[in-house]
Amino acid sequence: GTGLSIDRSMLAGDLIVLAAAMCWATYTVMSRPWLSRFSALRLT
């Protein structure tokens, strides 16, 4: 009952956010090998 039910008018936005989630997941996984050579601050 939070008012977050699926709405066709927001479907495009939902799909764009889903693509963003995939980008962040890829970034998180790909960054780990680099963190053996760089500090978190430097890599960021």
PDB file of all heavy atoms in Angstrom:
ATOM      1  N   GLY A   1       0.778  -1.216   0.000  1.00  0.00           N
ATOM      2  CA  GLY A   1       0.000   0.000   0.000  1.00  0.00           C
ATOM      3  C   GLY A   1       0.814   1.271   0.000  1.00  0.00           C
ATOM      4  O   GLY A   1       0.375   2.304   0.520  1.00  0.00           O
ATOM      5  N   THR A   2       1.994   1.237  -0.635  1.00  0.00           N
ATOM      6  CA  THR A   2       2.830   2.436  -0.646  1.00  0.00           C
ATOM      7  C   THR A   2       2.595   3.304  -1.876  1.00  0.00           C
ATOM      8  O   THR A   2       3.234   4.327  -2.039  1.00  0.00           O
ATOM      9  CB  THR A   2       4.326   2.035  -0.640  1.00  0.00           C
ATOM     10  OG1 THR A   2       4.591   1.247  -1.810  1.00  0.00           O
ATOM     11  CG2 THR A   2       4.671   1.242   0.583  1.00  0.00           C
ATOM     12  N   GLY A   3       1.698   2.848  -2.736  1.00  0.00           N
ATOM     13  CA  GLY A   3       1.466   3.622  -3.944  1.00  0.00           C
ATOM     14  C   GLY A   3       2.531   3.386  -4.992  1.00  0.00           C
ATOM     15  O   GLY A   3       2.713   4.198  -5.892  1.00  0.00           O
ATOM     16  N   LEU A   4       3.251   2.273  -4.893  1.00  0.00           N
ATOM     17  CA  LEU A   4       4.328   1.999  -5.840  1.00  0.00           C
ATOM     18  C   LEU A   4       3.955   0.944  -6.876  1.00  0.00           C
ATOM     19  O   LEU A   4       4.803   0.266  -7.406  1.00  0.00           O
ATOM     20  CB  LEU A   4       5.580   1.540  -5.079  1.00  0.00           C
ATOM     21  CG  LEU A   4       6.159   2.551  -4.105  1.00  0.00           C
ATOM     22  CD1 LEU A   4       7.349   1.951  -3.391  1.00  0.00           C
ATOM     23  CD2 LEU A   4       6.547   3.816  -4.809  1.00  0.00           C
ATOM     24  N   SER A   5       2.667   0.773  -7.145  1.00  0.00           N
ATOM     25  CA  SER A   5       2.252  -0.225  -8.115  1.00  0.00           C
ATOM     26  C   SER A   5       2.710   0.188  -9.514  1.00  0.00           C
ATOM     27  O   SER A   5       2.879   1.369  -9.805  1.00  0.00           O
ATOM     28  CB  SER A   5       0.720  -0.371  -8.110  1.00  0.00           C
ATOM     29  OG  SER A   5       0.125   0.876  -8.368  1.00  0.00           O
ATOM     30  N   ILE A   6       2.879  -0.823 -10.378  1.00  0.00           N
ATOM     31  CA  ILE A   6       3.401  -0.555 -11.713  1.00  0.00           C
ATOM     32  C   ILE A   6       2.427   0.305 -12.516  1.00  0.00           C
ATOM     33  O   ILE A   6       1.233   0.055 -12.561  1.00  0.00           O
ATOM     34  CB  ILE A   6       3.665  -1.884 -12.454  1.00  0.00           C
ATOM     35  CG1 ILE A   6       4.750  -2.667 -11.731  1.00  0.00           C
ATOM     36  CG2 ILE A   6       4.066  -1.621 -13.900  1.00  0.00           C
ATOM     37  CD1 ILE A   6       6.082  -1.965 -11.681  1.00  0.00           C
ATOM     38  N   ASP A   7       2.928   1.331 -13.143  1.00  0.00           N
ATOM     39  CA  ASP A   7       2.146   2.273 -13.933  1.00  0.00           C
ATOM     40  C   ASP A   7       2.806   2.387 -15.292  1.00  0.00           C
ATOM     41  O   ASP A   7       4.001   2.629 -15.392  1.00  0.00           O
ATOM     42  CB  ASP A   7       2.119   3.626 -13.227  1.00  0.00           C
ATOM     43  CG  ASP A   7       1.183   4.614 -13.904  1.00  0.00           C
ATOM     44  OD1 ASP A   7       1.066   4.574 -15.143  1.00  0.00           O
ATOM     45  OD2 ASP A   7       0.586   5.435 -13.172  1.00  0.00           O
ATOM     46  N   ARG A   8       1.995   2.218 -16.370  1.00  0.00           N
ATOM     47  CA  ARG A   8       2.574   2.264 -17.711  1.00  0.00           C
ATOM     48  C   ARG A   8       3.253   3.589 -18.002  1.00  0.00           C
ATOM     49  O   ARG A   8       4.219   3.645 -18.760  1.00  0.00           O
ATOM     50  CB  ARG A   8       1.474   2.004 -18.754  1.00  0.00           C
ATOM     51  CG  ARG A   8       0.996   0.554 -18.794  1.00  0.00           C
ATOM     52  CD  ARG A   8       0.024   0.350 -19.934  1.00  0.00           C
ATOM     53  NE  ARG A   8      -0.449  -1.024 -19.990  1.00  0.00           N
ATOM     54  CZ  ARG A   8      -1.293  -1.487 -20.912  1.00  0.00           C
ATOM     55  NH1 ARG A   8      -1.763  -0.665 -21.842  1.00  0.00           N
ATOM     56  NH2 ARG A   8      -1.664  -2.740 -20.894  1.00  0.00           N
ATOM     57  N   SER A   9       2.730   4.669 -17.423  1.00  0.00           N
ATOM     58  CA  SER A   9       3.314   5.982 -17.664  1.00  0.00           C
ATOM     59  C   SER A   9       4.730   6.076 -17.111  1.00  0.00           C
ATOM     60  O   SER A   9       5.512   6.928 -17.531  1.00  0.00           O
ATOM     61  CB  SER A   9       2.437   7.074 -17.042  1.00  0.00           C
ATOM     62  OG  SER A   9       2.423   6.953 -15.628  1.00  0.00           O
ATOM     63  N   MET A  10       5.077   5.205 -16.144  1.00  0.00           N
ATOM     64  CA  MET A  10       6.407   5.222 -15.537  1.00  0.00           C
ATOM     65  C   MET A  10       7.269   4.056 -16.008  1.00  0.00           C
ATOM     66  O   MET A  10       8.392   3.896 -15.538  1.00  0.00           O
ATOM     67  CB  MET A  10       6.296   5.192 -14.013  1.00  0.00           C
ATOM     68  CG  MET A  10       5.615   6.406 -13.418  1.00  0.00           C
ATOM     69  SD  MET A  10       5.781   6.516 -11.613  1.00  0.00           S
ATOM     70  CE  MET A  10       4.835   5.068 -11.108  1.00  0.00           C
ATOM     71  N   LEU A  11       6.734   3.242 -16.931  1.00  0.00           N
ATOM     72  CA  LEU A  11       7.463   2.051 -17.351  1.00  0.00           C
ATOM     73  C   LEU A  11       8.804   2.389 -17.992  1.00  0.00           C
ATOM     74  O   LEU A  11       9.812   1.719 -17.728  1.00  0.00           O
ATOM     75  CB  LEU A  11       6.607   1.232 -18.323  1.00  0.00           C
ATOM     76  CG  LEU A  11       7.214  -0.089 -18.796  1.00  0.00           C
ATOM     77  CD1 LEU A  11       7.519  -1.001 -17.615  1.00  0.00           C
ATOM     78  CD2 LEU A  11       6.266  -0.783 -19.784  1.00  0.00           C
ATOM     79  N   ALA A  12       8.837   3.438 -18.821  1.00  0.00           N
ATOM     80  CA  ALA A  12      10.106   3.817 -19.458  1.00  0.00           C
ATOM     81  C   ALA A  12      11.147   4.171 -18.404  1.00  0.00           C
ATOM     82  O   ALA A  12      12.306   3.764 -18.492  1.00  0.00           O
ATOM     83  CB  ALA A  12       9.887   4.996 -20.399  1.00  0.00           C
ATOM     84  N   GLY A  13      10.727   4.929 -17.398  1.00  0.00           N
ATOM     85  CA  GLY A  13      11.647   5.282 -16.317  1.00  0.00           C
ATOM     86  C   GLY A  13      12.120   4.068 -15.559  1.00  0.00           C
ATOM     87  O   GLY A  13      13.305   3.967 -15.198  1.00  0.00           O
ATOM     88  N   ASP A  14      11.212   3.125 -15.312  1.00  0.00           N
ATOM     89  CA  ASP A  14      11.581   1.897 -14.606  1.00  0.00           C
ATOM     90  C   ASP A  14      12.643   1.116 -15.375  1.00  0.00           C
ATOM     91  O   ASP A  14      13.611   0.609 -14.792  1.00  0.00           O
ATOM     92  CB  ASP A  14      10.348   1.014 -14.401  1.00  0.00           C
ATOM     93  CG  ASP A  14       9.345   1.617 -13.430  1.00  0.00           C
ATOM     94  OD1 ASP A  14       9.738   2.508 -12.658  1.00  0.00           O
ATOM     95  OD2 ASP A  14       8.175   1.200 -13.450  1.00  0.00           O
ATOM     96  N   LEU A  15      12.464   1.012 -16.690  1.00  0.00           N
ATOM     97  CA  LEU A  15      13.416   0.268 -17.508  1.00  0.00           C
ATOM     98  C   LEU A  15      14.778   0.970 -17.559  1.00  0.00           C
ATOM     99  O   LEU A  15      15.820   0.320 -17.562  1.00  0.00           O
ATOM    100  CB  LEU A  15      12.861   0.094 -18.926  1.00  0.00           C
ATOM    101  CG  LEU A  15      11.633  -0.815 -19.041  1.00  0.00           C
ATOM    102  CD1 LEU A  15      11.103  -0.814 -20.466  1.00  0.00           C
ATOM    103  CD2 LEU A  15      11.947  -2.235 -18.593  1.00  0.00           C
ATOM    104  N   ILE A  16      14.758   2.301 -17.585  1.00  0.00           N
ATOM    105  CA  ILE A  16      16.014   3.050 -17.572  1.00  0.00           C
ATOM    106  C   ILE A  16      16.755   2.817 -16.257  1.00  0.00           C
ATOM    107  O   ILE A  16      17.975   2.627 -16.229  1.00  0.00           O
ATOM    108  CB  ILE A  16      15.753   4.550 -17.798  1.00  0.00           C
ATOM    109  CG1 ILE A  16      15.230   4.780 -19.220  1.00  0.00           C
ATOM    110  CG2 ILE A  16      17.036   5.353 -17.584  1.00  0.00           C
ATOM    111  CD1 ILE A  16      14.758   6.195 -19.480  1.00  0.00           C
ATOM    112  N   VAL A  17      16.019   2.828 -15.144  1.00  0.00           N
ATOM    113  CA  VAL A  17      16.634   2.578 -13.840  1.00  0.00           C
ATOM    114  C   VAL A  17      17.183   1.157 -13.769  1.00  0.00           C
ATOM    115  O   VAL A  17      18.239   0.914 -13.178  1.00  0.00           O
ATOM    116  CB  VAL A  17      15.636   2.833 -12.695  1.00  0.00           C
ATOM    117  CG1 VAL A  17      16.253   2.457 -11.351  1.00  0.00           C
ATOM    118  CG2 VAL A  17      15.211   4.298 -12.669  1.00  0.00           C
ATOM    119  N   LEU A  18      16.480   0.205 -14.375  1.00  0.00           N
ATOM    120  CA  LEU A  18      16.974  -1.176 -14.410  1.00  0.00           C
ATOM    121  C   LEU A  18      18.313  -1.246 -15.141  1.00  0.00           C
ATOM    122  O   LEU A  18      19.238  -1.936 -14.705  1.00  0.00           O
ATOM    123  CB  LEU A  18      15.950  -2.084 -15.097  1.00  0.00           C
ATOM    124  CG  LEU A  18      16.304  -3.573 -15.163  1.00  0.00           C
ATOM    125  CD1 LEU A  18      16.400  -4.170 -13.761  1.00  0.00           C
ATOM    126  CD2 LEU A  18      15.273  -4.330 -15.994  1.00  0.00           C
ATOM    127  N   ALA A  19      18.431  -0.512 -16.244  1.00  0.00           N
ATOM    128  CA  ALA A  19      19.704  -0.459 -16.961  1.00  0.00           C
ATOM    129  C   ALA A  19      20.786   0.185 -16.089  1.00  0.00           C
ATOM    130  O   ALA A  19      21.949  -0.241 -16.106  1.00  0.00           O
ATOM    131  CB  ALA A  19      19.539   0.324 -18.263  1.00  0.00           C
ATOM    132  N   ALA A  20      20.409   1.193 -15.304  1.00  0.00           N
ATOM    133  CA  ALA A  20      21.359   1.827 -14.386  1.00  0.00           C
ATOM    134  C   ALA A  20      21.845   0.827 -13.346  1.00  0.00           C
ATOM    135  O   ALA A  20      23.037   0.799 -13.004  1.00  0.00           O
ATOM    136  CB  ALA A  20      20.707   3.025 -13.695  1.00  0.00           C
ATOM    137  N   ALA A  21      20.939   0.009 -12.824  1.00  0.00           N
ATOM    138  CA  ALA A  21      21.316  -1.009 -11.837  1.00  0.00           C
ATOM    139  C   ALA A  21      22.320  -1.992 -12.415  1.00  0.00           C
ATOM    140  O   ALA A  21      23.273  -2.399 -11.733  1.00  0.00           O
ATOM    141  CB  ALA A  21      20.069  -1.748 -11.351  1.00  0.00           C
ATOM    142  N   MET A  22      22.130  -2.357 -13.669  1.00  0.00           N
ATOM    143  CA  MET A  22      23.072  -3.269 -14.320  1.00  0.00           C
ATOM    144  C   MET A  22      24.445  -2.616 -14.473  1.00  0.00           C
ATOM    145  O   MET A  22      25.483  -3.267 -14.305  1.00  0.00           O
ATOM    146  CB  MET A  22      22.522  -3.689 -15.677  1.00  0.00           C
ATOM    147  CG  MET A  22      21.277  -4.554 -15.588  1.00  0.00           C
ATOM    148  SD  MET A  22      20.647  -4.995 -17.230  1.00  0.00           S
ATOM    149  CE  MET A  22      19.223  -6.016 -16.765  1.00  0.00           C
ATOM    150  N   CYS A  23      24.464  -1.319 -14.783  1.00  0.00           N
ATOM    151  CA  CYS A  23      25.731  -0.605 -14.894  1.00  0.00           C
ATOM    152  C   CYS A  23      26.461  -0.576 -13.556  1.00  0.00           C
ATOM    153  O   CYS A  23      27.674  -0.807 -13.496  1.00  0.00           O
ATOM    154  CB  CYS A  23      25.488   0.832 -15.371  1.00  0.00           C
ATOM    155  SG  CYS A  23      25.229   1.015 -17.134  1.00  0.00           S
ATOM    156  N   TRP A  24      25.725  -0.287 -12.479  1.00  0.00           N
ATOM    157  CA  TRP A  24      26.368  -0.196 -11.170  1.00  0.00           C
ATOM    158  C   TRP A  24      26.899  -1.556 -10.718  1.00  0.00           C
ATOM    159  O   TRP A  24      27.974  -1.652 -10.122  1.00  0.00           O
ATOM    160  CB  TRP A  24      25.400   0.376 -10.148  1.00  0.00           C
ATOM    161  CG  TRP A  24      26.047   0.611  -8.820  1.00  0.00           C
ATOM    162  CD1 TRP A  24      25.892  -0.110  -7.682  1.00  0.00           C
ATOM    163  CD2 TRP A  24      26.985   1.640  -8.496  1.00  0.00           C
ATOM    164  NE1 TRP A  24      26.664   0.396  -6.665  1.00  0.00           N
ATOM    165  CE2 TRP A  24      27.349   1.474  -7.144  1.00  0.00           C
ATOM    166  CE3 TRP A  24      27.552   2.692  -9.223  1.00  0.00           C
ATOM    167  CZ2 TRP A  24      28.252   2.321  -6.500  1.00  0.00           C
ATOM    168  CZ3 TRP A  24      28.456   3.531  -8.587  1.00  0.00           C
ATOM    169  CH2 TRP A  24      28.792   3.345  -7.242  1.00  0.00           C
ATOM    170  N   ALA A  25      26.151  -2.616 -11.004  1.00  0.00           N
ATOM    171  CA  ALA A  25      26.607  -3.960 -10.649  1.00  0.00           C
ATOM    172  C   ALA A  25      27.883  -4.307 -11.409  1.00  0.00           C
ATOM    173  O   ALA A  25      28.838  -4.855 -10.846  1.00  0.00           O
ATOM    174  CB  ALA A  25      25.510  -4.976 -10.947  1.00  0.00           C
ATOM    175  N   THR A  26      27.903  -3.985 -12.693  1.00  0.00           N
ATOM    176  CA  THR A  26      29.094  -4.243 -13.512  1.00  0.00           C
ATOM    177  C   THR A  26      30.296  -3.464 -12.993  1.00  0.00           C
ATOM    178  O   THR A  26      31.410  -3.989 -12.866  1.00  0.00           O
ATOM    179  CB  THR A  26      28.821  -3.850 -14.972  1.00  0.00           C
ATOM    180  OG1 THR A  26      27.686  -4.574 -15.451  1.00  0.00           O
ATOM    181  CG2 THR A  26      30.025  -4.158 -15.858  1.00  0.00           C
ATOM    182  N   TYR A  27      30.071  -2.224 -12.672  1.00  0.00           N
ATOM    183  CA  TYR A  27      31.113  -1.347 -12.114  1.00  0.00           C
ATOM    184  C   TYR A  27      31.660  -1.900 -10.801  1.00  0.00           C
ATOM    185  O   TYR A  27      32.874  -1.932 -10.569  1.00  0.00           O
ATOM    186  CB  TYR A  27      30.468   0.019 -11.922  1.00  0.00           C
ATOM    187  CG  TYR A  27      31.240   1.064 -11.174  1.00  0.00           C
ATOM    188  CD1 TYR A  27      32.432   1.573 -11.666  1.00  0.00           C
ATOM    189  CD2 TYR A  27      30.737   1.606  -9.996  1.00  0.00           C
ATOM    190  CE1 TYR A  27      33.113   2.578 -10.999  1.00  0.00           C
ATOM    191  CE2 TYR A  27      31.403   2.610  -9.328  1.00  0.00           C
ATOM    192  CZ  TYR A  27      32.584   3.089  -9.827  1.00  0.00           C
ATOM    193  OH  TYR A  27      33.249   4.080  -9.155  1.00  0.00           O
ATOM    194  N   THR A  28      30.768  -2.365  -9.936  1.00  0.00           N
ATOM    195  CA  THR A  28      31.183  -2.897  -8.635  1.00  0.00           C
ATOM    196  C   THR A  28      32.070  -4.130  -8.796  1.00  0.00           C
ATOM    197  O   THR A  28      33.103  -4.268  -8.144  1.00  0.00           O
ATOM    198  CB  THR A  28      29.947  -3.251  -7.792  1.00  0.00           C
ATOM    199  OG1 THR A  28      29.167  -2.070  -7.576  1.00  0.00           O
ATOM    200  CG2 THR A  28      30.341  -3.843  -6.447  1.00  0.00           C
ATOM    201  N   VAL A  29      31.685  -5.026  -9.682  1.00  0.00           N
ATOM    202  CA  VAL A  29      32.449  -6.257  -9.895  1.00  0.00           C
ATOM    203  C   VAL A  29      33.775  -5.964 -10.593  1.00  0.00           C
ATOM    204  O   VAL A  29      34.835  -6.468 -10.204  1.00  0.00           O
ATOM    205  CB  VAL A  29      31.615  -7.264 -10.713  1.00  0.00           C
ATOM    206  CG1 VAL A  29      32.465  -8.475 -11.094  1.00  0.00           C
ATOM    207  CG2 VAL A  29      30.391  -7.720  -9.922  1.00  0.00           C
ATOM    208  N   MET A  30      33.735  -5.119 -11.622  1.00  0.00           N
ATOM    209  CA  MET A  30      34.942  -4.822 -12.391  1.00  0.00           C
ATOM    210  C   MET A  30      35.974  -4.031 -11.580  1.00  0.00           C
ATOM    211  O   MET A  30      37.172  -4.077 -11.882  1.00  0.00           O
ATOM    212  CB  MET A  30      34.575  -4.039 -13.655  1.00  0.00           C
ATOM    213  CG  MET A  30      33.852  -4.844 -14.707  1.00  0.00           C
ATOM    214  SD  MET A  30      33.315  -3.804 -16.113  1.00  0.00           S
ATOM    215  CE  MET A  30      34.892  -3.166 -16.687  1.00  0.00           C
ATOM    216  N   SER A  31      35.514  -3.301 -10.566  1.00  0.00           N
ATOM    217  CA  SER A  31      36.441  -2.459  -9.803  1.00  0.00           C
ATOM    218  C   SER A  31      37.306  -3.256  -8.835  1.00  0.00           C
ATOM    219  O   SER A  31      38.390  -2.801  -8.457  1.00  0.00           O
ATOM    220  CB  SER A  31      35.653  -1.406  -9.013  1.00  0.00           C
ATOM    221  OG  SER A  31      34.894  -1.996  -7.972  1.00  0.00           O
ATOM    222  N   ARG A  32      36.858  -4.438  -8.431  1.00  0.00           N
ATOM    223  CA  ARG A  32      37.559  -5.144  -7.364  1.00  0.00           C
ATOM    224  C   ARG A  32      39.018  -5.478  -7.709  1.00  0.00           C
ATOM    225  O   ARG A  32      39.911  -5.261  -6.870  1.00  0.00           O
ATOM    226  CB  ARG A  32      36.800  -6.406  -6.966  1.00  0.00           C
ATOM    227  CG  ARG A  32      37.383  -7.002  -5.695  1.00  0.00           C
ATOM    228  CD  ARG A  32      36.631  -8.203  -5.195  1.00  0.00           C
ATOM    229  NE  ARG A  32      37.228  -8.686  -3.968  1.00  0.00           N
ATOM    230  CZ  ARG A  32      36.941  -9.836  -3.413  1.00  0.00           C
ATOM    231  NH1 ARG A  32      36.039 -10.622  -3.950  1.00  0.00           N
ATOM    232  NH2 ARG A  32      37.537 -10.213  -2.307  1.00  0.00           N
ATOM    233  N   PRO A  33      39.341  -5.980  -8.907  1.00  0.00           N
ATOM    234  CA  PRO A  33      40.761  -6.252  -9.193  1.00  0.00           C
ATOM    235  C   PRO A  33      41.630  -4.998  -9.122  1.00  0.00           C
ATOM    236  O   PRO A  33      42.801  -5.066  -8.724  1.00  0.00           O
ATOM    237  CB  PRO A  33      40.720  -6.835 -10.618  1.00  0.00           C
ATOM    238  CG  PRO A  33      39.334  -7.361 -10.777  1.00  0.00           C
ATOM    239  CD  PRO A  33      38.464  -6.432 -10.003  1.00  0.00           C
ATOM    240  N   TRP A  34      41.080  -3.857  -9.492  1.00  0.00           N
ATOM    241  CA  TRP A  34      41.846  -2.618  -9.463  1.00  0.00           C
ATOM    242  C   TRP A  34      42.162  -2.190  -8.027  1.00  0.00           C
ATOM    243  O   TRP A  34      43.155  -1.495  -7.786  1.00  0.00           O
ATOM    244  CB  TRP A  34      41.076  -1.504 -10.170  1.00  0.00           C
ATOM    245  CG  TRP A  34      40.975  -1.709 -11.645  1.00  0.00           C
ATOM    246  CD1 TRP A  34      39.948  -2.314 -12.316  1.00  0.00           C
ATOM    247  CD2 TRP A  34      41.927  -1.334 -12.641  1.00  0.00           C
ATOM    248  NE1 TRP A  34      40.195  -2.335 -13.665  1.00  0.00           N
ATOM    249  CE2 TRP A  34      41.412  -1.734 -13.896  1.00  0.00           C
ATOM    250  CE3 TRP A  34      43.164  -0.687 -12.583  1.00  0.00           C
ATOM    251  CZ2 TRP A  34      42.089  -1.514 -15.083  1.00  0.00           C
ATOM    252  CZ3 TRP A  34      43.846  -0.463 -13.774  1.00  0.00           C
ATOM    253  CH2 TRP A  34      43.312  -0.879 -15.005  1.00  0.00           C
ATOM    254  N   LEU A  35      41.310  -2.587  -7.092  1.00  0.00           N
ATOM    255  CA  LEU A  35      41.496  -2.164  -5.707  1.00  0.00           C
ATOM    256  C   LEU A  35      42.655  -2.885  -5.013  1.00  0.00           C
ATOM    257  O   LEU A  35      42.993  -2.555  -3.876  1.00  0.00           O
ATOM    258  CB  LEU A  35      40.194  -2.364  -4.924  1.00  0.00           C
ATOM    259  CG  LEU A  35      39.084  -1.373  -5.295  1.00  0.00           C
ATOM    260  CD1 LEU A  35      37.752  -1.821  -4.720  1.00  0.00           C
ATOM    261  CD2 LEU A  35      39.431   0.032  -4.831  1.00  0.00           C
ATOM    262  N   SER A  36      43.251  -3.846  -5.689  1.00  0.00           N
ATOM    263  CA  SER A  36      44.466  -4.456  -5.152  1.00  0.00           C
ATOM    264  C   SER A  36      45.699  -3.598  -5.456  1.00  0.00           C
ATOM    265  O   SER A  36      46.764  -3.798  -4.895  1.00  0.00           O
ATOM    266  CB  SER A  36      44.665  -5.859  -5.744  1.00  0.00           C
ATOM    267  OG  SER A  36      44.847  -5.789  -7.146  1.00  0.00           O
ATOM    268  N   ARG A  37      45.515  -2.604  -6.335  1.00  0.00           N
ATOM    269  CA  ARG A  37      46.617  -1.737  -6.744  1.00  0.00           C
ATOM    270  C   ARG A  37      46.384  -0.263  -6.419  1.00  0.00           C
ATOM    271  O   ARG A  37      47.331   0.501  -6.324  1.00  0.00           O
ATOM    272  CB  ARG A  37      46.820  -1.869  -8.269  1.00  0.00           C
ATOM    273  CG  ARG A  37      47.176  -3.281  -8.725  1.00  0.00           C
ATOM    274  CD  ARG A  37      47.117  -3.384 -10.236  1.00  0.00           C
ATOM    275  NE  ARG A  37      47.872  -2.291 -10.845  1.00  0.00           N
ATOM    276  CZ  ARG A  37      47.632  -1.838 -12.077  1.00  0.00           C
ATOM    277  NH1 ARG A  37      46.660  -2.369 -12.799  1.00  0.00           N
ATOM    278  NH2 ARG A  37      48.360  -0.855 -12.567  1.00  0.00           N
ATOM    279  N   PHE A  38      45.128   0.127  -6.294  1.00  0.00           N
ATOM    280  CA  PHE A  38      44.790   1.518  -6.026  1.00  0.00           C
ATOM    281  C   PHE A  38      44.014   1.622  -4.721  1.00  0.00           C
ATOM    282  O   PHE A  38      43.259   0.713  -4.366  1.00  0.00           O
ATOM    283  CB  PHE A  38      43.916   2.101  -7.145  1.00  0.00           C
ATOM    284  CG  PHE A  38      44.580   2.206  -8.484  1.00  0.00           C
ATOM    285  CD1 PHE A  38      44.550   1.141  -9.372  1.00  0.00           C
ATOM    286  CD2 PHE A  38      45.227   3.360  -8.863  1.00  0.00           C
ATOM    287  CE1 PHE A  38      45.145   1.225 -10.617  1.00  0.00           C
ATOM    288  CE2 PHE A  38      45.834   3.467 -10.116  1.00  0.00           C
ATOM    289  CZ  PHE A  38      45.802   2.402 -10.984  1.00  0.00           C
ATOM    290  N   SER A  39      44.172   2.755  -4.041  1.00  0.00           N
ATOM    291  CA  SER A  39      43.323   3.014  -2.888  1.00  0.00           C
ATOM    292  C   SER A  39      41.904   3.303  -3.371  1.00  0.00           C
ATOM    293  O   SER A  39      41.680   3.631  -4.545  1.00  0.00           O
ATOM    294  CB  SER A  39      43.849   4.219  -2.099  1.00  0.00           C
ATOM    295  OG  SER A  39      43.645   5.414  -2.833  1.00  0.00           O
ATOM    296  N   ALA A  40      40.937   3.197  -2.448  1.00  0.00           N
ATOM    297  CA  ALA A  40      39.545   3.492  -2.796  1.00  0.00           C
ATOM    298  C   ALA A  40      39.410   4.931  -3.291  1.00  0.00           C
ATOM    299  O   ALA A  40      38.700   5.199  -4.270  1.00  0.00           O
ATOM    300  CB  ALA A  40      38.651   3.265  -1.583  1.00  0.00           C
ATOM    301  N   LEU A  41      40.088   5.848  -2.628  1.00  0.00           N
ATOM    302  CA  LEU A  41      40.012   7.258  -3.011  1.00  0.00           C
ATOM    303  C   LEU A  41      40.580   7.488  -4.402  1.00  0.00           C
ATOM    304  O   LEU A  41      39.983   8.185  -5.231  1.00  0.00           O
ATOM    305  CB  LEU A  41      40.770   8.105  -1.984  1.00  0.00           C
ATOM    306  CG  LEU A  41      40.912   9.594  -2.296  1.00  0.00           C
ATOM    307  CD1 LEU A  41      39.548  10.264  -2.388  1.00  0.00           C
ATOM    308  CD2 LEU A  41      41.797  10.274  -1.250  1.00  0.00           C
ATOM    309  N   ARG A  42      41.741   6.901  -4.690  1.00  0.00           N
ATOM    310  CA  ARG A  42      42.388   7.109  -5.997  1.00  0.00           C
ATOM    311  C   ARG A  42      41.554   6.518  -7.125  1.00  0.00           C
ATOM    312  O   ARG A  42      41.362   7.169  -8.166  1.00  0.00           O
ATOM    313  CB  ARG A  42      43.793   6.507  -5.994  1.00  0.00           C
ATOM    314  CG  ARG A  42      44.565   6.718  -7.296  1.00  0.00           C
ATOM    315  CD  ARG A  42      46.030   6.349  -7.131  1.00  0.00           C
ATOM    316  NE  ARG A  42      46.712   7.277  -6.236  1.00  0.00           N
ATOM    317  CZ  ARG A  42      47.248   8.428  -6.647  1.00  0.00           C
ATOM    318  NH1 ARG A  42      47.197   8.772  -7.921  1.00  0.00           N
ATOM    319  NH2 ARG A  42      47.854   9.216  -5.777  1.00  0.00           N
ATOM    320  N   LEU A  43      41.053   5.316  -6.937  1.00  0.00           N
ATOM    321  CA  LEU A  43      40.263   4.692  -8.001  1.00  0.00           C
ATOM    322  C   LEU A  43      38.966   5.461  -8.234  1.00  0.00           C
ATOM    323  O   LEU A  43      38.541   5.649  -9.379  1.00  0.00           O
ATOM    324  CB  LEU A  43      39.962   3.235  -7.647  1.00  0.00           C
ATOM    325  CG  LEU A  43      39.294   2.422  -8.752  1.00  0.00           C
ATOM    326  CD1 LEU A  43      40.180   2.351  -9.997  1.00  0.00           C
ATOM    327  CD2 LEU A  43      38.970   1.011  -8.271  1.00  0.00           C
ATOM    328  N   THR A  44      38.321   5.905  -7.162  1.00  0.00           N
ATOM    329  CA  THR A  44      37.100   6.694  -7.297  1.00  0.00           C
ATOM    330  C   THR A  44      37.363   7.962  -8.104  1.00  0.00           C
ATOM    331  O   THR A  44      36.615   8.303  -9.032  1.00  0.00           O
ATOM    332  CB  THR A  44      36.546   7.086  -5.915  1.00  0.00           C
ATOM    333  OG1 THR A  44      36.259   5.918  -5.169  1.00  0.00           O
ATOM    334  CG2 THR A  44      35.274   7.907  -6.047  1.00  0.00           C
TER     335      THR A  44
END
